Protein backbone atom coordinates (compact mmCIF):
# COMPACT_ATOMS: atom_id res chain seq x y z
CA PHE A 1 96.74 103.09 96.38
CA VAL A 2 94.52 100.66 94.55
CA TYR A 3 92.07 99.03 96.95
CA MET A 4 89.26 96.49 96.94
CA ILE A 5 86.33 96.42 99.32
CA LYS A 6 84.03 93.47 99.91
CA THR A 7 80.38 94.40 100.50
CA ARG A 8 77.92 92.80 102.91
CA ASN A 9 76.28 91.05 99.96
CA ASN A 10 79.67 89.67 98.84
CA LYS A 11 80.40 91.95 95.88
CA ILE A 12 83.87 93.40 95.25
CA TYR A 13 84.48 97.09 94.56
CA THR A 14 87.81 98.34 93.18
CA GLY A 15 89.02 101.95 93.42
CA ILE A 16 92.02 104.24 93.86
CA THR A 17 92.82 106.77 96.57
CA THR A 18 95.66 108.45 98.43
CA ASN A 19 94.22 107.37 101.82
CA VAL A 20 92.51 103.98 102.01
CA GLU A 21 91.02 104.33 105.52
CA ARG A 22 89.55 107.77 104.76
CA ARG A 23 88.07 106.52 101.51
CA PHE A 24 86.59 103.43 103.19
CA ASN A 25 84.94 105.68 105.77
CA GLN A 26 83.51 107.86 103.00
CA HIS A 27 82.01 104.77 101.40
CA LYS A 28 80.61 103.59 104.76
CA THR A 29 78.97 106.91 105.65
CA GLY A 30 77.82 107.77 102.13
CA LYS A 31 79.42 111.22 102.40
CA GLY A 32 81.57 111.45 99.29
CA GLY A 33 81.50 107.69 98.70
CA ALA A 34 80.75 105.90 95.45
CA LYS A 35 77.12 105.40 94.35
CA PHE A 36 77.88 101.66 94.11
CA PHE A 37 77.65 101.42 97.91
CA ARG A 38 74.09 102.75 98.15
CA GLY A 39 72.73 99.27 97.49
CA ASN A 40 75.85 97.36 98.51
CA PRO A 41 77.00 98.40 102.01
CA PRO A 42 80.79 98.07 102.45
CA LYS A 43 81.98 95.39 104.87
CA GLU A 44 85.79 95.31 104.79
CA ILE A 45 88.93 96.32 102.90
CA ILE A 46 90.26 93.13 101.33
CA TYR A 47 93.14 94.40 99.18
CA THR A 48 95.49 97.38 99.02
CA LYS A 49 98.56 98.07 96.95
CA LYS A 50 100.62 101.25 96.86
CA PHE A 51 101.86 102.79 93.59
CA LYS A 52 104.35 105.54 92.84
CA ASN A 53 101.77 107.86 91.25
CA ARG A 54 98.12 108.23 90.30
CA SER A 55 98.70 107.36 86.65
CA VAL A 56 100.19 103.95 87.45
CA ALA A 57 97.46 103.30 90.05
CA SER A 58 94.73 104.19 87.54
CA LYS A 59 96.13 101.76 85.00
CA GLU A 60 96.23 98.99 87.60
CA GLU A 61 92.69 99.81 88.74
CA TYR A 62 91.49 99.46 85.14
CA ARG A 63 93.36 96.17 84.74
CA ILE A 64 91.84 94.76 87.93
CA LYS A 65 88.34 95.83 86.90
CA GLN A 66 88.72 93.74 83.73
CA LEU A 67 89.45 90.58 85.74
CA THR A 68 86.87 87.93 86.50
CA ARG A 69 85.78 87.43 90.09
CA ARG A 70 87.91 84.29 90.33
CA GLU A 71 90.97 86.21 89.08
CA LYS A 72 90.32 89.00 91.61
CA GLU A 73 90.05 86.44 94.42
CA ARG A 74 93.36 84.92 93.31
CA LEU A 75 95.00 88.38 93.39
CA ILE A 76 93.60 88.99 96.88
CA SER A 77 94.81 85.62 98.18
CA GLN A 78 98.33 86.27 96.84
CA GLN A 79 98.54 89.42 98.96
CA ARG A 80 97.53 87.71 102.23
C-alpha cells in the first residue's frame, strides 16, 4: 500500500507499508514510526492505494512525494 496521513498541524506524510492500520498506529505511538511525526502528530489516514508488489508501490510513493500540495490534494479528492 501507498498511504498518506494528515497531521494535526495540517501537513501530509506519504509512505508505503503492507498494513496501513498497523503502520498508522506505529506513527501515533512513536514505536517504530517515522521521525517526521515527532514534531507533527498524526491525525488521520487520508489516502490508501494497494499495489501488486513493493517495487511498484515504492515507485508510486516517490512519484507522489514529487507532487505539490495542491496536486496531492487533487489525488486524495479523486479517491473519495
